[in-house]
Amino acid sequence: MGVTLASKLDGIAKDLRREVSKAVKDGANVVVEAARDKAPIEDGDLRDSIQVERADAAKYRVYADANSGDGEWVNYYAQWVEFGSVHNPTPRPFLIPALEESKEEIVGMVEDVLGDL
């Protein structure tokens, strides 16, 4: 009588990148929803512009690219709102707080995926 031991490492390695990448993308979408909830309510263009962009296979970027109000899309408008500027001296952060409040949920999502492998 004999016992055979087999490693699951090959299967885990195969699924790891795909599953963790999916969890990270899902986590980025959690940040998007939280940031939209935190964006200044009177600024629907800013709120609606918050989205996820794939940076590479396992990285996602959450960003806002809002209309300045005169029909032009400007990358820096969201920075003015988040951090303040000469034109907007009072910062109204929405992206960084959204990430901070979502951090534990995102870590939990990745941990769940790792536990399932």
Protein backbone atom coordinates (compact mmCIF):
# COMPACT_ATOMS: atom_id res chain seq x y z
CA MET A 1 0.00 0.00 0.00
CA GLY A 2 1.28 3.49 -0.81
CA VAL A 3 0.33 7.10 -0.49
CA THR A 4 0.90 9.67 -3.20
CA LEU A 5 1.29 13.33 -2.33
CA ALA A 6 0.64 15.86 -5.05
CA SER A 7 1.33 19.57 -5.03
CA LYS A 8 -1.35 22.04 -6.11
CA LEU A 9 1.34 24.63 -6.83
CA ASP A 10 1.09 24.41 -10.63
CA GLY A 11 -2.67 25.02 -10.56
CA ILE A 12 -2.34 27.81 -8.02
CA ALA A 13 0.37 29.54 -10.04
CA LYS A 14 -1.77 29.30 -13.18
CA ASP A 15 -4.82 30.88 -11.53
CA LEU A 16 -3.02 33.34 -9.25
CA ARG A 17 -2.45 36.25 -11.67
CA ARG A 18 -5.93 36.06 -13.22
CA GLU A 19 -7.82 35.78 -9.93
CA VAL A 20 -5.82 38.39 -8.02
CA SER A 21 -6.05 40.77 -10.99
CA LYS A 22 -9.84 40.35 -10.98
CA ALA A 23 -9.97 41.05 -7.23
CA VAL A 24 -7.83 44.16 -7.67
CA LYS A 25 -10.12 45.39 -10.46
CA ASP A 26 -13.17 44.74 -8.29
CA GLY A 27 -11.41 46.64 -5.49
CA ALA A 28 -10.75 49.57 -7.82
CA ASN A 29 -14.47 49.66 -8.60
CA VAL A 30 -15.19 49.83 -4.86
CA VAL A 31 -12.95 52.93 -4.72
CA VAL A 32 -14.78 54.43 -7.72
CA GLU A 33 -18.15 54.07 -6.00
CA ALA A 34 -16.82 55.51 -2.72
CA ALA A 35 -15.17 58.43 -4.56
CA ARG A 36 -18.38 59.17 -6.45
CA ASP A 37 -20.22 59.27 -3.13
CA LYS A 38 -17.63 61.70 -1.75
CA ALA A 39 -17.29 63.98 -4.79
CA PRO A 40 -18.90 67.40 -4.38
CA ILE A 41 -22.59 66.86 -5.07
CA GLU A 42 -22.98 70.00 -7.14
CA ASP A 43 -20.26 68.81 -9.47
CA GLY A 44 -21.89 65.99 -11.41
CA ASP A 45 -19.33 66.14 -14.22
CA LEU A 46 -16.52 65.42 -11.78
CA ARG A 47 -18.47 62.66 -10.04
CA ASP A 48 -19.44 61.03 -13.33
CA SER A 49 -15.87 61.16 -14.64
CA ILE A 50 -14.43 58.95 -11.88
CA GLN A 51 -13.50 55.63 -13.43
CA VAL A 52 -11.08 52.70 -13.55
CA GLU A 53 -8.37 52.30 -16.15
CA ARG A 54 -6.27 49.18 -16.60
CA ALA A 55 -2.59 50.06 -16.15
CA ASP A 56 -1.27 46.56 -16.89
CA ALA A 57 -2.19 42.93 -16.22
CA ALA A 58 -2.56 43.31 -12.46
CA LYS A 59 -2.76 47.09 -11.91
CA TYR A 60 -5.72 49.41 -12.17
CA ARG A 61 -5.82 53.18 -11.80
CA VAL A 62 -8.80 55.11 -10.44
CA TYR A 63 -8.94 58.62 -11.82
CA ALA A 64 -11.21 61.58 -12.51
CA ASP A 65 -11.01 63.66 -15.67
CA ALA A 66 -13.79 66.18 -15.37
CA ASN A 67 -15.21 68.91 -17.55
CA SER A 68 -14.10 72.38 -16.43
CA GLY A 69 -17.54 73.81 -17.11
CA ASP A 70 -16.64 75.58 -20.34
CA GLY A 71 -16.78 72.45 -22.47
CA GLU A 72 -13.10 71.55 -22.17
CA TRP A 73 -11.92 68.41 -20.47
CA VAL A 74 -9.01 69.11 -18.13
CA ASN A 75 -6.94 66.58 -16.26
CA TYR A 76 -6.03 68.95 -13.46
CA TYR A 77 -9.56 69.97 -12.43
CA ALA A 78 -9.93 66.94 -10.16
CA GLN A 79 -6.58 67.83 -8.56
CA TRP A 80 -7.88 71.33 -7.81
CA VAL A 81 -10.89 69.87 -6.04
CA GLU A 82 -8.88 67.17 -4.21
CA PHE A 83 -5.97 69.35 -3.05
CA GLY A 84 -7.11 72.93 -3.52
CA SER A 85 -5.49 75.61 -5.69
CA VAL A 86 -5.35 79.35 -6.17
CA HIS A 87 -8.68 79.03 -7.97
CA ASN A 88 -10.15 76.69 -5.37
CA PRO A 89 -8.41 77.42 -2.04
CA THR A 90 -10.45 74.97 0.03
CA PRO A 91 -9.57 71.34 -0.74
CA ARG A 92 -12.50 68.95 -1.00
CA PRO A 93 -10.82 65.54 -1.02
CA PHE A 94 -12.74 62.63 -2.47
CA LEU A 95 -10.29 60.18 -4.11
CA ILE A 96 -7.79 59.67 -1.30
CA PRO A 97 -10.48 59.34 1.41
CA ALA A 98 -12.33 56.85 -0.83
CA LEU A 99 -9.19 54.72 -1.10
CA GLU A 100 -8.50 54.94 2.63
CA GLU A 101 -12.02 53.87 3.60
CA SER A 102 -12.02 51.04 1.04
CA LYS A 103 -8.60 49.65 1.92
CA GLU A 104 -9.71 46.91 4.32
CA GLU A 105 -12.49 45.73 1.99
CA ILE A 106 -10.04 45.49 -0.92
CA VAL A 107 -7.47 43.58 1.14
CA GLY A 108 -10.25 41.23 2.21
CA MET A 109 -11.24 40.65 -1.42
CA VAL A 110 -7.68 39.69 -2.34
CA GLU A 111 -7.34 37.52 0.77
CA ASP A 112 -10.55 35.68 -0.15
CA VAL A 113 -9.19 34.94 -3.63
CA LEU A 114 -5.89 33.71 -2.21
CA GLY A 115 -7.71 31.51 0.29
CA ASP A 116 -9.80 29.97 -2.49
CA LEU A 117 -6.75 28.98 -4.52
